PDB file of N, CA and C in Angstrom:
ATOM      1  N   MET A   1      15.112 -60.674  -0.033  1.00  0.00           N
ATOM      2  CA  MET A   1      15.206 -59.543   0.868  1.00  0.00           C
ATOM      3  C   MET A   1      14.099 -59.667   1.910  1.00  0.00           C
ATOM      4  N   GLU A   2      14.448 -59.464   3.162  1.00  0.00           N
ATOM      5  CA  GLU A   2      13.456 -59.465   4.229  1.00  0.00           C
ATOM      6  C   GLU A   2      12.993 -58.039   4.480  1.00  0.00           C
ATOM      7  N   ARG A   3      11.733 -57.910   4.832  1.00  0.00           N
ATOM      8  CA  ARG A   3      11.188 -56.588   5.127  1.00  0.00           C
ATOM      9  C   ARG A   3      10.145 -56.706   6.215  1.00  0.00           C
ATOM     10  N   THR A   4       9.744 -55.577   6.755  1.00  0.00           N
ATOM     11  CA  THR A   4       8.728 -55.556   7.799  1.00  0.00           C
ATOM     12  C   THR A   4       7.409 -56.033   7.216  1.00  0.00           C
ATOM     13  N   GLU A   5       6.751 -56.913   7.946  1.00  0.00           N
ATOM     14  CA  GLU A   5       5.476 -57.434   7.489  1.00  0.00           C
ATOM     15  C   GLU A   5       4.426 -57.252   8.573  1.00  0.00           C
ATOM     16  N   LYS A   6       3.230 -57.008   8.146  1.00  0.00           N
ATOM     17  CA  LYS A   6       2.112 -56.867   9.059  1.00  0.00           C
ATOM     18  C   LYS A   6       1.679 -58.257   9.532  1.00  0.00           C
ATOM     19  N   ILE A   7       1.413 -58.376  10.832  1.00  0.00           N
ATOM     20  CA  ILE A   7       0.901 -59.634  11.350  1.00  0.00           C
ATOM     21  C   ILE A   7      -0.582 -59.697  11.035  1.00  0.00           C
ATOM     22  N   THR A   8      -0.984 -60.744  10.357  1.00  0.00           N
ATOM     23  CA  THR A   8      -2.383 -60.916   9.969  1.00  0.00           C
ATOM     24  C   THR A   8      -2.874 -62.283  10.441  1.00  0.00           C
ATOM     25  N   ARG A   9      -4.105 -62.577  10.129  1.00  0.00           N
ATOM     26  CA  ARG A   9      -4.648 -63.895  10.481  1.00  0.00           C
ATOM     27  C   ARG A   9      -3.955 -65.008   9.718  1.00  0.00           C
ATOM     28  N   GLY A  10      -3.346 -64.661   8.599  1.00  0.00           N
ATOM     29  CA  GLY A  10      -2.636 -65.654   7.792  1.00  0.00           C
ATOM     30  C   GLY A  10      -1.205 -65.911   8.251  1.00  0.00           C
ATOM     31  N   THR A  11      -0.730 -65.137   9.217  1.00  0.00           N
ATOM     32  CA  THR A  11       0.628 -65.337   9.727  1.00  0.00           C
ATOM     33  C   THR A  11       0.697 -66.682  10.449  1.00  0.00           C
ATOM     34  N   PRO A  12       1.679 -67.507  10.082  1.00  0.00           N
ATOM     35  CA  PRO A  12       1.785 -68.821  10.730  1.00  0.00           C
ATOM     36  C   PRO A  12       1.971 -68.695  12.247  1.00  0.00           C
ATOM     37  N   LYS A  13       1.380 -69.596  12.986  1.00  0.00           N
ATOM     38  CA  LYS A  13       1.447 -69.586  14.443  1.00  0.00           C
ATOM     39  C   LYS A  13       2.886 -69.679  14.932  1.00  0.00           C
ATOM     40  N   GLU A  14       3.730 -70.415  14.238  1.00  0.00           N
ATOM     41  CA  GLU A  14       5.137 -70.548  14.631  1.00  0.00           C
ATOM     42  C   GLU A  14       5.856 -69.196  14.586  1.00  0.00           C
ATOM     43  N   VAL A  15       5.551 -68.407  13.557  1.00  0.00           N
ATOM     44  CA  VAL A  15       6.163 -67.079  13.423  1.00  0.00           C
ATOM     45  C   VAL A  15       5.680 -66.169  14.548  1.00  0.00           C
ATOM     46  N   LEU A  16       4.403 -66.216  14.843  1.00  0.00           N
ATOM     47  CA  LEU A  16       3.836 -65.400  15.912  1.00  0.00           C
ATOM     48  C   LEU A  16       4.425 -65.793  17.263  1.00  0.00           C
ATOM     49  N   ASP A  17       4.478 -67.076  17.551  1.00  0.00           N
ATOM     50  CA  ASP A  17       5.050 -67.550  18.814  1.00  0.00           C
ATOM     51  C   ASP A  17       6.520 -67.180  18.937  1.00  0.00           C
ATOM     52  N   SER A  18       7.252 -67.281  17.834  1.00  0.00           N
ATOM     53  CA  SER A  18       8.675 -66.927  17.834  1.00  0.00           C
ATOM     54  C   SER A  18       8.870 -65.435  18.106  1.00  0.00           C
ATOM     55  N   SER A  19       8.024 -64.605  17.496  1.00  0.00           N
ATOM     56  CA  SER A  19       8.126 -63.149  17.704  1.00  0.00           C
ATOM     57  C   SER A  19       7.860 -62.783  19.156  1.00  0.00           C
ATOM     58  N   ILE A  20       6.860 -63.424  19.749  1.00  0.00           N
ATOM     59  CA  ILE A  20       6.544 -63.155  21.157  1.00  0.00           C
ATOM     60  C   ILE A  20       7.683 -63.613  22.050  1.00  0.00           C
ATOM     61  N   ALA A  21       8.210 -64.803  21.795  1.00  0.00           N
ATOM     62  CA  ALA A  21       9.296 -65.351  22.615  1.00  0.00           C
ATOM     63  C   ALA A  21      10.562 -64.502  22.525  1.00  0.00           C
ATOM     64  N   MET A  22      10.819 -63.900  21.361  1.00  0.00           N
ATOM     65  CA  MET A  22      12.028 -63.085  21.168  1.00  0.00           C
ATOM     66  C   MET A  22      11.836 -61.633  21.590  1.00  0.00           C
ATOM     67  N   GLY A  23      10.622 -61.278  22.026  1.00  0.00           N
ATOM     68  CA  GLY A  23      10.367 -59.904  22.455  1.00  0.00           C
ATOM     69  C   GLY A  23      10.208 -58.924  21.314  1.00  0.00           C
ATOM     70  N   LYS A  24       9.772 -59.387  20.161  1.00  0.00           N
ATOM     71  CA  LYS A  24       9.620 -58.512  18.997  1.00  0.00           C
ATOM     72  C   LYS A  24       8.173 -58.157  18.693  1.00  0.00           C
ATOM     73  N   ALA A  25       7.252 -58.585  19.533  1.00  0.00           N
ATOM     74  CA  ALA A  25       5.834 -58.294  19.306  1.00  0.00           C
ATOM     75  C   ALA A  25       5.371 -57.239  20.302  1.00  0.00           C
ATOM     76  N   TYR A  26       4.721 -56.204  19.791  1.00  0.00           N
ATOM     77  CA  TYR A  26       4.247 -55.109  20.633  1.00  0.00           C
ATOM     78  C   TYR A  26       2.808 -54.785  20.288  1.00  0.00           C
ATOM     79  N   MET A  27       2.083 -54.315  21.271  1.00  0.00           N
ATOM     80  CA  MET A  27       0.733 -53.802  21.058  1.00  0.00           C
ATOM     81  C   MET A  27       0.765 -52.317  21.394  1.00  0.00           C
ATOM     82  N   PHE A  28       0.438 -51.494  20.430  1.00  0.00           N
ATOM     83  CA  PHE A  28       0.436 -50.056  20.651  1.00  0.00           C
ATOM     84  C   PHE A  28      -0.987 -49.597  20.950  1.00  0.00           C
ATOM     85  N   PRO A  29      -1.150 -48.777  21.986  1.00  0.00           N
ATOM     86  CA  PRO A  29      -2.500 -48.400  22.411  1.00  0.00           C
ATOM     87  C   PRO A  29      -3.178 -47.337  21.553  1.00  0.00           C
ATOM     88  N   TYR A  30      -2.435 -46.676  20.683  1.00  0.00           N
ATOM     89  CA  TYR A  30      -3.006 -45.584  19.899  1.00  0.00           C
ATOM     90  C   TYR A  30      -2.619 -45.732  18.432  1.00  0.00           C
ATOM     91  N   TYR A  31      -3.412 -45.129  17.567  1.00  0.00           N
ATOM     92  CA  TYR A  31      -3.176 -45.161  16.136  1.00  0.00           C
ATOM     93  C   TYR A  31      -2.712 -43.787  15.658  1.00  0.00           C
ATOM     94  N   ILE A  32      -1.989 -43.762  14.558  1.00  0.00           N
ATOM     95  CA  ILE A  32      -1.547 -42.507  13.955  1.00  0.00           C
ATOM     96  C   ILE A  32      -2.785 -41.701  13.538  1.00  0.00           C
ATOM     97  N   ASN A  33      -2.733 -40.401  13.767  1.00  0.00           N
ATOM     98  CA  ASN A  33      -3.810 -39.441  13.456  1.00  0.00           C
ATOM     99  C   ASN A  33      -5.051 -39.615  14.323  1.00  0.00           C
ATOM    100  N   GLU A  34      -4.919 -40.318  15.430  1.00  0.00           N
ATOM    101  CA  GLU A  34      -6.030 -40.455  16.369  1.00  0.00           C
ATOM    102  C   GLU A  34      -6.049 -39.225  17.282  1.00  0.00           C
ATOM    103  N   SER A  35      -7.226 -38.696  17.527  1.00  0.00           N
ATOM    104  CA  SER A  35      -7.381 -37.564  18.436  1.00  0.00           C
ATOM    105  C   SER A  35      -7.523 -38.094  19.860  1.00  0.00           C
ATOM    106  N   VAL A  36      -6.664 -37.609  20.758  1.00  0.00           N
ATOM    107  CA  VAL A  36      -6.694 -38.033  22.162  1.00  0.00           C
ATOM    108  C   VAL A  36      -6.568 -36.803  23.055  1.00  0.00           C
ATOM    109  N   TRP A  37      -6.791 -37.008  24.331  1.00  0.00           N
ATOM    110  CA  TRP A  37      -6.663 -35.936  25.327  1.00  0.00           C
ATOM    111  C   TRP A  37      -5.516 -36.263  26.256  1.00  0.00           C
ATOM    112  N   ILE A  38      -4.621 -35.291  26.482  1.00  0.00           N
ATOM    113  CA  ILE A  38      -3.510 -35.465  27.394  1.00  0.00           C
ATOM    114  C   ILE A  38      -3.743 -34.559  28.602  1.00  0.00           C
ATOM    115  N   CYS A  39      -3.466 -35.075  29.767  1.00  0.00           N
ATOM    116  CA  CYS A  39      -3.643 -34.308  31.003  1.00  0.00           C
ATOM    117  C   CYS A  39      -2.392 -33.521  31.324  1.00  0.00           C
ATOM    118  N   MET A  40      -2.593 -32.317  31.787  1.00  0.00           N
ATOM    119  CA  MET A  40      -1.516 -31.469  32.286  1.00  0.00           C
ATOM    120  C   MET A  40      -1.840 -31.150  33.741  1.00  0.00           C
ATOM    121  N   HIS A  41      -1.387 -31.988  34.662  1.00  0.00           N
ATOM    122  CA  HIS A  41      -1.727 -31.823  36.079  1.00  0.00           C
ATOM    123  C   HIS A  41      -1.168 -30.527  36.667  1.00  0.00           C
ATOM    124  N   ASP A  42      -0.005 -30.092  36.168  1.00  0.00           N
ATOM    125  CA  ASP A  42       0.579 -28.866  36.726  1.00  0.00           C
ATOM    126  C   ASP A  42      -0.289 -27.642  36.444  1.00  0.00           C
ATOM    127  N   SER A  43      -0.951 -27.603  35.294  1.00  0.00           N
ATOM    128  CA  SER A  43      -1.819 -26.462  34.968  1.00  0.00           C
ATOM    129  C   SER A  43      -3.307 -26.809  35.080  1.00  0.00           C
ATOM    130  N   LYS A  44      -3.617 -28.005  35.546  1.00  0.00           N
ATOM    131  CA  LYS A  44      -5.003 -28.448  35.780  1.00  0.00           C
ATOM    132  C   LYS A  44      -5.877 -28.298  34.536  1.00  0.00           C
ATOM    133  N   ARG A  45      -5.378 -28.822  33.409  1.00  0.00           N
ATOM    134  CA  ARG A  45      -6.169 -28.756  32.187  1.00  0.00           C
ATOM    135  C   ARG A  45      -5.932 -29.992  31.323  1.00  0.00           C
ATOM    136  N   ALA A  46      -6.841 -30.221  30.405  1.00  0.00           N
ATOM    137  CA  ALA A  46      -6.718 -31.300  29.433  1.00  0.00           C
ATOM    138  C   ALA A  46      -6.578 -30.671  28.045  1.00  0.00           C
ATOM    139  N   VAL A  47      -5.703 -31.240  27.226  1.00  0.00           N
ATOM    140  CA  VAL A  47      -5.422 -30.679  25.912  1.00  0.00           C
ATOM    141  C   VAL A  47      -5.713 -31.732  24.849  1.00  0.00           C
ATOM    142  N   ASN A  48      -6.429 -31.336  23.808  1.00  0.00           N
ATOM    143  CA  ASN A  48      -6.716 -32.230  22.697  1.00  0.00           C
ATOM    144  C   ASN A  48      -5.528 -32.217  21.743  1.00  0.00           C
ATOM    145  N   VAL A  49      -4.959 -33.392  21.473  1.00  0.00           N
ATOM    146  CA  VAL A  49      -3.796 -33.518  20.592  1.00  0.00           C
ATOM    147  C   VAL A  49      -4.025 -34.685  19.633  1.00  0.00           C
ATOM    148  N   PHE A  50      -3.175 -34.753  18.615  1.00  0.00           N
ATOM    149  CA  PHE A  50      -3.212 -35.864  17.670  1.00  0.00           C
ATOM    150  C   PHE A  50      -1.982 -36.734  17.872  1.00  0.00           C
ATOM    151  N   VAL A  51      -2.171 -38.024  17.765  1.00  0.00           N
ATOM    152  CA  VAL A  51      -1.048 -38.957  17.822  1.00  0.00           C
ATOM    153  C   VAL A  51      -0.380 -38.911  16.460  1.00  0.00           C
ATOM    154  N   THR A  52       0.883 -38.468  16.436  1.00  0.00           N
ATOM    155  CA  THR A  52       1.597 -38.368  15.170  1.00  0.00           C
ATOM    156  C   THR A  52       2.604 -39.490  14.977  1.00  0.00           C
ATOM    157  N   ASP A  53       2.966 -40.195  16.052  1.00  0.00           N
ATOM    158  CA  ASP A  53       3.841 -41.369  15.942  1.00  0.00           C
ATOM    159  C   ASP A  53       3.815 -42.115  17.268  1.00  0.00           C
ATOM    160  N   VAL A  54       4.056 -43.416  17.210  1.00  0.00           N
ATOM    161  CA  VAL A  54       4.094 -44.251  18.406  1.00  0.00           C
ATOM    162  C   VAL A  54       5.324 -45.127  18.319  1.00  0.00           C
ATOM    163  N   SER A  55       6.044 -45.238  19.425  1.00  0.00           N
ATOM    164  CA  SER A  55       7.219 -46.110  19.461  1.00  0.00           C
ATOM    165  C   SER A  55       7.173 -46.972  20.709  1.00  0.00           C
ATOM    166  N   VAL A  56       8.142 -47.822  20.837  1.00  0.00           N
ATOM    167  CA  VAL A  56       8.227 -48.690  22.005  1.00  0.00           C
ATOM    168  C   VAL A  56       8.486 -47.874  23.265  1.00  0.00           C
ATOM    169  N   HIS A  57       9.226 -46.787  23.140  1.00  0.00           N
ATOM    170  CA  HIS A  57       9.643 -46.001  24.302  1.00  0.00           C
ATOM    171  C   HIS A  57       8.788 -44.776  24.577  1.00  0.00           C
ATOM    172  N   GLY A  58       7.913 -44.412  23.658  1.00  0.00           N
ATOM    173  CA  GLY A  58       7.116 -43.216  23.878  1.00  0.00           C
ATOM    174  C   GLY A  58       6.116 -42.985  22.768  1.00  0.00           C
ATOM    175  N   VAL A  59       5.546 -41.798  22.795  1.00  0.00           N
ATOM    176  CA  VAL A  59       4.530 -41.428  21.817  1.00  0.00           C
ATOM    177  C   VAL A  59       4.759 -39.971  21.412  1.00  0.00           C
ATOM    178  N   GLN A  60       4.487 -39.683  20.139  1.00  0.00           N
ATOM    179  CA  GLN A  60       4.602 -38.316  19.646  1.00  0.00           C
ATOM    180  C   GLN A  60       3.201 -37.750  19.531  1.00  0.00           C
ATOM    181  N   LEU A  61       2.956 -36.682  20.275  1.00  0.00           N
ATOM    182  CA  LEU A  61       1.638 -36.041  20.293  1.00  0.00           C
ATOM    183  C   LEU A  61       1.745 -34.653  19.703  1.00  0.00           C
ATOM    184  N   SER A  62       1.071 -34.445  18.597  1.00  0.00           N
ATOM    185  CA  SER A  62       1.105 -33.166  17.869  1.00  0.00           C
ATOM    186  C   SER A  62       2.537 -32.674  17.661  1.00  0.00           C
ATOM    187  N   GLY A  63       3.439 -33.588  17.342  1.00  0.00           N
ATOM    188  CA  GLY A  63       4.813 -33.243  17.008  1.00  0.00           C
ATOM    189  C   GLY A  63       5.799 -33.275  18.149  1.00  0.00           C
ATOM    190  N   ALA A  64       5.354 -33.402  19.389  1.00  0.00           N
ATOM    191  CA  ALA A  64       6.263 -33.423  20.549  1.00  0.00           C
ATOM    192  C   ALA A  64       6.356 -34.849  21.103  1.00  0.00           C
ATOM    193  N   TRP A  65       7.580 -35.322  21.308  1.00  0.00           N
ATOM    194  CA  TRP A  65       7.793 -36.669  21.834  1.00  0.00           C
ATOM    195  C   TRP A  65       7.690 -36.682  23.349  1.00  0.00           C
ATOM    196  N   TYR A  66       7.008 -37.683  23.875  1.00  0.00           N
ATOM    197  CA  TYR A  66       6.897 -37.910  25.314  1.00  0.00           C
ATOM    198  C   TYR A  66       7.229 -39.371  25.588  1.00  0.00           C
ATOM    199  N   THR A  67       7.986 -39.630  26.648  1.00  0.00           N
ATOM    200  CA  THR A  67       8.204 -41.013  27.054  1.00  0.00           C
ATOM    201  C   THR A  67       6.958 -41.483  27.791  1.00  0.00           C
ATOM    202  N   TRP A  68       6.804 -42.799  27.902  1.00  0.00           N
ATOM    203  CA  TRP A  68       5.639 -43.333  28.610  1.00  0.00           C
ATOM    204  C   TRP A  68       5.656 -42.904  30.073  1.00  0.00           C
ATOM    205  N   ASP A  69       6.855 -42.766  30.658  1.00  0.00           N
ATOM    206  CA  ASP A  69       6.961 -42.308  32.051  1.00  0.00           C
ATOM    207  C   ASP A  69       6.499 -40.865  32.204  1.00  0.00           C
ATOM    208  N   GLU A  70       6.841 -39.998  31.242  1.00  0.00           N
ATOM    209  CA  GLU A  70       6.389 -38.603  31.284  1.00  0.00           C
ATOM    210  C   GLU A  70       4.865 -38.520  31.180  1.00  0.00           C
ATOM    211  N   ILE A  71       4.307 -39.321  30.304  1.00  0.00           N
ATOM    212  CA  ILE A  71       2.850 -39.343  30.140  1.00  0.00           C
ATOM    213  C   ILE A  71       2.186 -39.765  31.444  1.00  0.00           C
ATOM    214  N   LYS A  72       2.714 -40.802  32.059  1.00  0.00           N
ATOM    215  CA  LYS A  72       2.142 -41.293  33.317  1.00  0.00           C
ATOM    216  C   LYS A  72       2.257 -40.235  34.412  1.00  0.00           C
ATOM    217  N   LYS A  73       3.415 -39.541  34.472  1.00  0.00           N
ATOM    218  CA  LYS A  73       3.631 -38.509  35.486  1.00  0.00           C
ATOM    219  C   LYS A  73       2.682 -37.322  35.286  1.00  0.00           C
ATOM    220  N   ASN A  74       2.443 -36.948  34.043  1.00  0.00           N
ATOM    221  CA  ASN A  74       1.547 -35.826  33.748  1.00  0.00           C
ATOM    222  C   ASN A  74       0.083 -36.157  33.974  1.00  0.00           C
ATOM    223  N   GLY A  75      -0.262 -37.419  33.966  1.00  0.00           N
ATOM    224  CA  GLY A  75      -1.655 -37.783  34.211  1.00  0.00           C
ATOM    225  C   GLY A  75      -2.254 -38.723  33.204  1.00  0.00           C
ATOM    226  N   GLY A  76      -1.596 -38.950  32.075  1.00  0.00           N
ATOM    227  CA  GLY A  76      -2.069 -39.942  31.130  1.00  0.00           C
ATOM    228  C   GLY A  76      -2.683 -39.390  29.861  1.00  0.00           C
ATOM    229  N   ILE A  77      -3.049 -40.331  29.005  1.00  0.00           N
ATOM    230  CA  ILE A  77      -3.709 -40.033  27.738  1.00  0.00           C
ATOM    231  C   ILE A  77      -5.081 -40.683  27.791  1.00  0.00           C
ATOM    232  N   TYR A  78      -6.091 -39.968  27.337  1.00  0.00           N
ATOM    233  CA  TYR A  78      -7.460 -40.458  27.409  1.00  0.00           C
ATOM    234  C   TYR A  78      -8.170 -40.298  26.073  1.00  0.00           C
ATOM    235  N   GLN A  79      -9.160 -41.139  25.835  1.00  0.00           N
ATOM    236  CA  GLN A  79      -9.922 -41.107  24.591  1.00  0.00           C
ATOM    237  C   GLN A  79     -10.958 -39.980  24.581  1.00  0.00           C
ATOM    238  N   SER A  80     -11.420 -39.561  25.769  1.00  0.00           N
ATOM    239  CA  SER A  80     -12.447 -38.512  25.824  1.00  0.00           C
ATOM    240  C   SER A  80     -12.028 -37.390  26.772  1.00  0.00           C
ATOM    241  N   GLU A  81     -12.568 -36.221  26.521  1.00  0.00           N
ATOM    242  CA  GLU A  81     -12.284 -35.068  27.371  1.00  0.00           C
ATOM    243  C   GLU A  81     -12.814 -35.304  28.783  1.00  0.00           C
ATOM    244  N   PHE A  82     -13.960 -35.925  28.885  1.00  0.00           N
ATOM    245  CA  PHE A  82     -14.559 -36.194  30.194  1.00  0.00           C
ATOM    246  C   PHE A  82     -13.626 -37.044  31.057  1.00  0.00           C
ATOM    247  N   ASP A  83     -13.084 -38.117  30.486  1.00  0.00           N
ATOM    248  CA  ASP A  83     -12.172 -38.986  31.241  1.00  0.00           C
ATOM    249  C   ASP A  83     -10.910 -38.231  31.662  1.00  0.00           C
ATOM    250  N   ALA A  84     -10.403 -37.388  30.785  1.00  0.00           N
ATOM    251  CA  ALA A  84      -9.196 -36.618  31.095  1.00  0.00           C
ATOM    252  C   ALA A  84      -9.466 -35.639  32.243  1.00  0.00           C
ATOM    253  N   LEU A  85     -10.570 -34.921  32.175  1.00  0.00           N
ATOM    254  CA  LEU A  85     -10.904 -33.965  33.233  1.00  0.00           C
ATOM    255  C   LEU A  85     -11.207 -34.667  34.552  1.00  0.00           C
ATOM    256  N   ARG A  86     -11.847 -35.810  34.473  1.00  0.00           N
ATOM    257  CA  ARG A  86     -12.131 -36.574  35.695  1.00  0.00           C
ATOM    258  C   ARG A  86     -10.838 -37.030  36.364  1.00  0.00           C
ATOM    259  N   SER A  87      -9.824 -37.408  35.566  1.00  0.00           N
ATOM    260  CA  SER A  87      -8.558 -37.849  36.159  1.00  0.00           C
ATOM    261  C   SER A  87      -7.828 -36.704  36.860  1.00  0.00           C
ATOM    262  N   ILE A  88      -8.019 -35.480  36.377  1.00  0.00           N
ATOM    263  CA  ILE A  88      -7.381 -34.318  36.987  1.00  0.00           C
ATOM    264  C   ILE A  88      -7.974 -34.055  38.377  1.00  0.00           C
ATOM    265  N   THR A  89      -9.257 -34.255  38.514  1.00  0.00           N
ATOM    266  CA  THR A  89      -9.917 -33.958  39.793  1.00  0.00           C
ATOM    267  C   THR A  89      -9.669 -35.014  40.848  1.00  0.00           C
ATOM    268  N   MET A  90      -9.191 -36.167  40.458  1.00  0.00           N
ATOM    269  CA  MET A  90      -8.943 -37.247  41.426  1.00  0.00           C
ATOM    270  C   MET A  90      -7.595 -37.134  42.075  1.00  0.00           C
TER     271      MET A  90
END
């Protein structure tokens, strides 16, 4: 039976190269249960949320799904409140 496996340092280079070539390798920018700040440009505020899930097409923040395009349109996700507030003023 085949199952999902974590890519580790022990993963053969051929498997890694094959995954990249087939478009099956992804790097996700956030971890589950990570605290991040999301910008709300329409209301000029930053909100502290938790990453509850991450997918290829979007991210779930405190239970609400957002596509990557929606996040970009709203102003982005930031690791610190300062960075989030600074992006709102720009």
